[in-house]
Amino acid sequence: MPEVKIEVCPNCRFTLVDPATYCPYCGVQLTAPLWKKTGAWILLFLTCYLFLQCNLRLMKGL
């Protein structure tokens, strides 16, 4: 038996049985757009990369 994930709209408290991008009752967007998710991952990757590069350069100087 497949597991049913029940979500609740944060705006109108409408109970959603099926996963949805927008609430069918009030129309509020429930998930972040794909470009925001991709941008967040790129920003996280660049931050980690630059942090490692900075640490490696500091370790060479010691």
PDB file of N, CA and C in Angstrom:
ATOM      1  N   MET A   1       0.845  -1.182   0.000  1.00  0.00           N
ATOM      2  CA  MET A   1       0.000   0.000   0.000  1.00  0.00           C
ATOM      3  C   MET A   1       0.890   1.245   0.000  1.00  0.00           C
ATOM      4  N   PRO A   2       0.715   2.136  -0.978  1.00  0.00           N
ATOM      5  CA  PRO A   2       1.561   3.339  -1.037  1.00  0.00           C
ATOM      6  C   PRO A   2       1.248   4.285   0.114  1.00  0.00           C
ATOM      7  N   GLU A   3       2.309   4.935   0.572  1.00  0.00           N
ATOM      8  CA  GLU A   3       2.163   5.886   1.672  1.00  0.00           C
ATOM      9  C   GLU A   3       1.637   7.209   1.134  1.00  0.00           C
ATOM     10  N   VAL A   4       0.627   7.751   1.784  1.00  0.00           N
ATOM     11  CA  VAL A   4       0.022   9.010   1.373  1.00  0.00           C
ATOM     12  C   VAL A   4       0.609  10.123   2.233  1.00  0.00           C
ATOM     13  N   LYS A   5       1.152  11.132   1.571  1.00  0.00           N
ATOM     14  CA  LYS A   5       1.726  12.269   2.283  1.00  0.00           C
ATOM     15  C   LYS A   5       0.691  13.390   2.310  1.00  0.00           C
ATOM     16  N   ILE A   6       0.259  13.739   3.495  1.00  0.00           N
ATOM     17  CA  ILE A   6      -0.739  14.777   3.653  1.00  0.00           C
ATOM     18  C   ILE A   6      -0.032  16.086   3.985  1.00  0.00           C
ATOM     19  N   GLU A   7      -0.346  17.123   3.219  1.00  0.00           N
ATOM     20  CA  GLU A   7       0.214  18.454   3.447  1.00  0.00           C
ATOM     21  C   GLU A   7      -0.908  19.408   3.828  1.00  0.00           C
ATOM     22  N   VAL A   8      -0.536  20.472   4.524  1.00  0.00           N
ATOM     23  CA  VAL A   8      -1.492  21.502   4.916  1.00  0.00           C
ATOM     24  C   VAL A   8      -1.010  22.829   4.360  1.00  0.00           C
ATOM     25  N   CYS A   9      -1.908  23.562   3.728  1.00  0.00           N
ATOM     26  CA  CYS A   9      -1.571  24.872   3.195  1.00  0.00           C
ATOM     27  C   CYS A   9      -1.298  25.830   4.351  1.00  0.00           C
ATOM     28  N   PRO A  10      -0.153  26.532   4.340  1.00  0.00           N
ATOM     29  CA  PRO A  10       0.150  27.451   5.435  1.00  0.00           C
ATOM     30  C   PRO A  10      -0.735  28.703   5.448  1.00  0.00           C
ATOM     31  N   ASN A  11      -1.383  28.992   4.329  1.00  0.00           N
ATOM     32  CA  ASN A  11      -2.206  30.193   4.241  1.00  0.00           C
ATOM     33  C   ASN A  11      -3.640  29.952   4.719  1.00  0.00           C
ATOM     34  N   CYS A  12      -4.282  28.909   4.181  1.00  0.00           N
ATOM     35  CA  CYS A  12      -5.699  28.697   4.473  1.00  0.00           C
ATOM     36  C   CYS A  12      -5.971  27.432   5.278  1.00  0.00           C
ATOM     37  N   ARG A  13      -4.951  26.654   5.594  1.00  0.00           N
ATOM     38  CA  ARG A  13      -5.058  25.400   6.352  1.00  0.00           C
ATOM     39  C   ARG A  13      -5.893  24.336   5.627  1.00  0.00           C
ATOM     40  N   PHE A  14      -5.942  24.416   4.303  1.00  0.00           N
ATOM     41  CA  PHE A  14      -6.620  23.404   3.501  1.00  0.00           C
ATOM     42  C   PHE A  14      -5.745  22.156   3.464  1.00  0.00           C
ATOM     43  N   THR A  15      -6.322  20.977   3.676  1.00  0.00           N
ATOM     44  CA  THR A  15      -5.570  19.722   3.703  1.00  0.00           C
ATOM     45  C   THR A  15      -5.447  19.171   2.287  1.00  0.00           C
ATOM     46  N   LEU A  16      -4.189  18.971   1.863  1.00  0.00           N
ATOM     47  CA  LEU A  16      -3.908  18.438   0.528  1.00  0.00           C
ATOM     48  C   LEU A  16      -3.488  16.984   0.659  1.00  0.00           C
ATOM     49  N   VAL A  17      -4.180  16.083  -0.010  1.00  0.00           N
ATOM     50  CA  VAL A  17      -3.828  14.668   0.025  1.00  0.00           C
ATOM     51  C   VAL A  17      -2.727  14.377  -0.987  1.00  0.00           C
ATOM     52  N   ASP A  18      -2.848  14.929  -2.177  1.00  0.00           N
ATOM     53  CA  ASP A  18      -1.838  14.745  -3.222  1.00  0.00           C
ATOM     54  C   ASP A  18      -0.860  15.913  -3.181  1.00  0.00           C
ATOM     55  N   PRO A  19       0.439  15.651  -3.441  1.00  0.00           N
ATOM     56  CA  PRO A  19       1.391  16.758  -3.479  1.00  0.00           C
ATOM     57  C   PRO A  19       1.048  17.708  -4.631  1.00  0.00           C
ATOM     58  N   ALA A  20       1.127  19.002  -4.349  1.00  0.00           N
ATOM     59  CA  ALA A  20       0.790  20.004  -5.354  1.00  0.00           C
ATOM     60  C   ALA A  20       1.747  21.182  -5.247  1.00  0.00           C
ATOM     61  N   THR A  21       1.892  21.905  -6.337  1.00  0.00           N
ATOM     62  CA  THR A  21       2.728  23.095  -6.364  1.00  0.00           C
ATOM     63  C   THR A  21       1.968  24.299  -5.823  1.00  0.00           C
ATOM     64  N   TYR A  22       0.686  24.365  -6.128  1.00  0.00           N
ATOM     65  CA  TYR A  22      -0.172  25.456  -5.668  1.00  0.00           C
ATOM     66  C   TYR A  22      -1.361  24.879  -4.902  1.00  0.00           C
ATOM     67  N   CYS A  23      -1.845  25.615  -3.939  1.00  0.00           N
ATOM     68  CA  CYS A  23      -3.034  25.214  -3.188  1.00  0.00           C
ATOM     69  C   CYS A  23      -4.255  25.365  -4.095  1.00  0.00           C
ATOM     70  N   PRO A  24      -5.088  24.320  -4.237  1.00  0.00           N
ATOM     71  CA  PRO A  24      -6.254  24.439  -5.112  1.00  0.00           C
ATOM     72  C   PRO A  24      -7.355  25.322  -4.514  1.00  0.00           C
ATOM     73  N   TYR A  25      -7.305  25.564  -3.224  1.00  0.00           N
ATOM     74  CA  TYR A  25      -8.346  26.355  -2.566  1.00  0.00           C
ATOM     75  C   TYR A  25      -8.057  27.859  -2.626  1.00  0.00           C
ATOM     76  N   CYS A  26      -6.829  28.274  -2.249  1.00  0.00           N
ATOM     77  CA  CYS A  26      -6.528  29.711  -2.203  1.00  0.00           C
ATOM     78  C   CYS A  26      -5.492  30.144  -3.249  1.00  0.00           C
ATOM     79  N   GLY A  27      -4.770  29.207  -3.868  1.00  0.00           N
ATOM     80  CA  GLY A  27      -3.841  29.538  -4.942  1.00  0.00           C
ATOM     81  C   GLY A  27      -2.436  29.911  -4.497  1.00  0.00           C
ATOM     82  N   VAL A  28      -2.098  29.741  -3.228  1.00  0.00           N
ATOM     83  CA  VAL A  28      -0.763  30.075  -2.723  1.00  0.00           C
ATOM     84  C   VAL A  28       0.246  29.041  -3.230  1.00  0.00           C
ATOM     85  N   GLN A  29       1.431  29.504  -3.633  1.00  0.00           N
ATOM     86  CA  GLN A  29       2.483  28.607  -4.094  1.00  0.00           C
ATOM     87  C   GLN A  29       3.084  27.879  -2.890  1.00  0.00           C
ATOM     88  N   LEU A  30       3.148  26.549  -2.957  1.00  0.00           N
ATOM     89  CA  LEU A  30       3.589  25.735  -1.833  1.00  0.00           C
ATOM     90  C   LEU A  30       5.050  25.313  -1.921  1.00  0.00           C
ATOM     91  N   THR A  31       5.625  25.303  -3.103  1.00  0.00           N
ATOM     92  CA  THR A  31       7.022  24.898  -3.261  1.00  0.00           C
ATOM     93  C   THR A  31       7.811  26.026  -3.919  1.00  0.00           C
ATOM     94  N   ALA A  32       9.101  26.011  -3.706  1.00  0.00           N
ATOM     95  CA  ALA A  32       9.971  27.013  -4.322  1.00  0.00           C
ATOM     96  C   ALA A  32      10.152  26.690  -5.812  1.00  0.00           C
ATOM     97  N   PRO A  33      10.284  27.708  -6.663  1.00  0.00           N
ATOM     98  CA  PRO A  33      10.521  27.469  -8.079  1.00  0.00           C
ATOM     99  C   PRO A  33      11.871  26.765  -8.297  1.00  0.00           C
ATOM    100  N   LEU A  34      11.983  26.071  -9.405  1.00  0.00           N
ATOM    101  CA  LEU A  34      13.189  25.307  -9.720  1.00  0.00           C
ATOM    102  C   LEU A  34      14.413  26.210  -9.819  1.00  0.00           C
ATOM    103  N   TRP A  35      14.283  27.423 -10.353  1.00  0.00           N
ATOM    104  CA  TRP A  35      15.448  28.302 -10.505  1.00  0.00           C
ATOM    105  C   TRP A  35      15.982  28.734  -9.142  1.00  0.00           C
ATOM    106  N   LYS A  36      15.133  28.846  -8.136  1.00  0.00           N
ATOM    107  CA  LYS A  36      15.598  29.209  -6.797  1.00  0.00           C
ATOM    108  C   LYS A  36      16.343  28.045  -6.148  1.00  0.00           C
ATOM    109  N   LYS A  37      15.836  26.832  -6.351  1.00  0.00           N
ATOM    110  CA  LYS A  37      16.513  25.656  -5.800  1.00  0.00           C
ATOM    111  C   LYS A  37      17.881  25.483  -6.445  1.00  0.00           C
ATOM    112  N   THR A  38      17.948  25.649  -7.762  1.00  0.00           N
ATOM    113  CA  THR A  38      19.216  25.514  -8.483  1.00  0.00           C
ATOM    114  C   THR A  38      20.198  26.600  -8.047  1.00  0.00           C
ATOM    115  N   GLY A  39      19.714  27.831  -7.925  1.00  0.00           N
ATOM    116  CA  GLY A  39      20.571  28.922  -7.484  1.00  0.00           C
ATOM    117  C   GLY A  39      21.119  28.706  -6.081  1.00  0.00           C
ATOM    118  N   ALA A  40      20.301  28.146  -5.202  1.00  0.00           N
ATOM    119  CA  ALA A  40      20.756  27.879  -3.839  1.00  0.00           C
ATOM    120  C   ALA A  40      21.857  26.819  -3.832  1.00  0.00           C
ATOM    121  N   TRP A  41      21.725  25.784  -4.648  1.00  0.00           N
ATOM    122  CA  TRP A  41      22.757  24.747  -4.711  1.00  0.00           C
ATOM    123  C   TRP A  41      24.060  25.303  -5.294  1.00  0.00           C
ATOM    124  N   ILE A  42      23.963  26.138  -6.320  1.00  0.00           N
ATOM    125  CA  ILE A  42      25.161  26.739  -6.914  1.00  0.00           C
ATOM    126  C   ILE A  42      25.855  27.646  -5.900  1.00  0.00           C
ATOM    127  N   LEU A  43      25.089  28.446  -5.191  1.00  0.00           N
ATOM    128  CA  LEU A  43      25.650  29.324  -4.175  1.00  0.00           C
ATOM    129  C   LEU A  43      26.322  28.528  -3.059  1.00  0.00           C
ATOM    130  N   LEU A  44      25.704  27.446  -2.634  1.00  0.00           N
ATOM    131  CA  LEU A  44      26.299  26.584  -1.612  1.00  0.00           C
ATOM    132  C   LEU A  44      27.605  25.968  -2.100  1.00  0.00           C
ATOM    133  N   PHE A  45      27.636  25.486  -3.338  1.00  0.00           N
ATOM    134  CA  PHE A  45      28.835  24.890  -3.905  1.00  0.00           C
ATOM    135  C   PHE A  45      29.965  25.913  -3.994  1.00  0.00           C
ATOM    136  N   LEU A  46      29.669  27.112  -4.497  1.00  0.00           N
ATOM    137  CA  LEU A  46      30.696  28.148  -4.622  1.00  0.00           C
ATOM    138  C   LEU A  46      31.234  28.584  -3.260  1.00  0.00           C
ATOM    139  N   THR A  47      30.362  28.689  -2.276  1.00  0.00           N
ATOM    140  CA  THR A  47      30.791  29.062  -0.937  1.00  0.00           C
ATOM    141  C   THR A  47      31.742  28.024  -0.360  1.00  0.00           C
ATOM    142  N   CYS A  48      31.394  26.764  -0.488  1.00  0.00           N
ATOM    143  CA  CYS A  48      32.265  25.694   0.018  1.00  0.00           C
ATOM    144  C   CYS A  48      33.599  25.669  -0.723  1.00  0.00           C
ATOM    145  N   TYR A  49      33.558  25.838  -2.043  1.00  0.00           N
ATOM    146  CA  TYR A  49      34.777  25.828  -2.840  1.00  0.00           C
ATOM    147  C   TYR A  49      35.710  26.978  -2.440  1.00  0.00           C
ATOM    148  N   LEU A  50      35.153  28.165  -2.312  1.00  0.00           N
ATOM    149  CA  LEU A  50      35.976  29.319  -1.944  1.00  0.00           C
ATOM    150  C   LEU A  50      36.507  29.192  -0.513  1.00  0.00           C
ATOM    151  N   PHE A  51      35.729  28.644   0.382  1.00  0.00           N
ATOM    152  CA  PHE A  51      36.175  28.421   1.746  1.00  0.00           C
ATOM    153  C   PHE A  51      37.362  27.447   1.780  1.00  0.00           C
ATOM    154  N   LEU A  52      37.276  26.373   1.007  1.00  0.00           N
ATOM    155  CA  LEU A  52      38.381  25.404   0.946  1.00  0.00           C
ATOM    156  C   LEU A  52      39.624  26.023   0.315  1.00  0.00           C
ATOM    157  N   GLN A  53      39.459  26.811  -0.730  1.00  0.00           N
ATOM    158  CA  GLN A  53      40.600  27.462  -1.367  1.00  0.00           C
ATOM    159  C   GLN A  53      41.292  28.426  -0.409  1.00  0.00           C
ATOM    160  N   CYS A  54      40.513  29.159   0.349  1.00  0.00           N
ATOM    161  CA  CYS A  54      41.067  30.106   1.312  1.00  0.00           C
ATOM    162  C   CYS A  54      41.852  29.354   2.387  1.00  0.00           C
ATOM    163  N   ASN A  55      41.295  28.265   2.879  1.00  0.00           N
ATOM    164  CA  ASN A  55      41.983  27.485   3.910  1.00  0.00           C
ATOM    165  C   ASN A  55      43.265  26.853   3.385  1.00  0.00           C
ATOM    166  N   LEU A  56      43.257  26.377   2.156  1.00  0.00           N
ATOM    167  CA  LEU A  56      44.460  25.781   1.582  1.00  0.00           C
ATOM    168  C   LEU A  56      45.564  26.822   1.410  1.00  0.00           C
ATOM    169  N   ARG A  57      45.205  28.031   1.003  1.00  0.00           N
ATOM    170  CA  ARG A  57      46.215  29.084   0.849  1.00  0.00           C
ATOM    171  C   ARG A  57      46.780  29.511   2.195  1.00  0.00           C
ATOM    172  N   LEU A  58      45.928  29.546   3.217  1.00  0.00           N
ATOM    173  CA  LEU A  58      46.409  29.905   4.546  1.00  0.00           C
ATOM    174  C   LEU A  58      47.343  28.834   5.112  1.00  0.00           C
ATOM    175  N   MET A  59      47.043  27.574   4.836  1.00  0.00           N
ATOM    176  CA  MET A  59      47.883  26.485   5.331  1.00  0.00           C
ATOM    177  C   MET A  59      49.244  26.465   4.649  1.00  0.00           C
ATOM    178  N   LYS A  60      49.309  26.896   3.378  1.00  0.00           N
ATOM    179  CA  LYS A  60      50.608  26.949   2.673  1.00  0.00           C
ATOM    180  C   LYS A  60      51.505  28.025   3.287  1.00  0.00           C
ATOM    181  N   GLY A  61      50.910  29.088   3.776  1.00  0.00           N
ATOM    182  CA  GLY A  61      51.686  30.191   4.349  1.00  0.00           C
ATOM    183  C   GLY A  61      52.280  29.876   5.711  1.00  0.00           C
ATOM    184  N   LEU A  62      51.744  28.872   6.384  1.00  0.00           N
ATOM    185  CA  LEU A  62      52.262  28.559   7.725  1.00  0.00           C
ATOM    186  C   LEU A  62      53.474  27.725   7.586  1.00  0.00           C
TER     187      LEU A  62
END
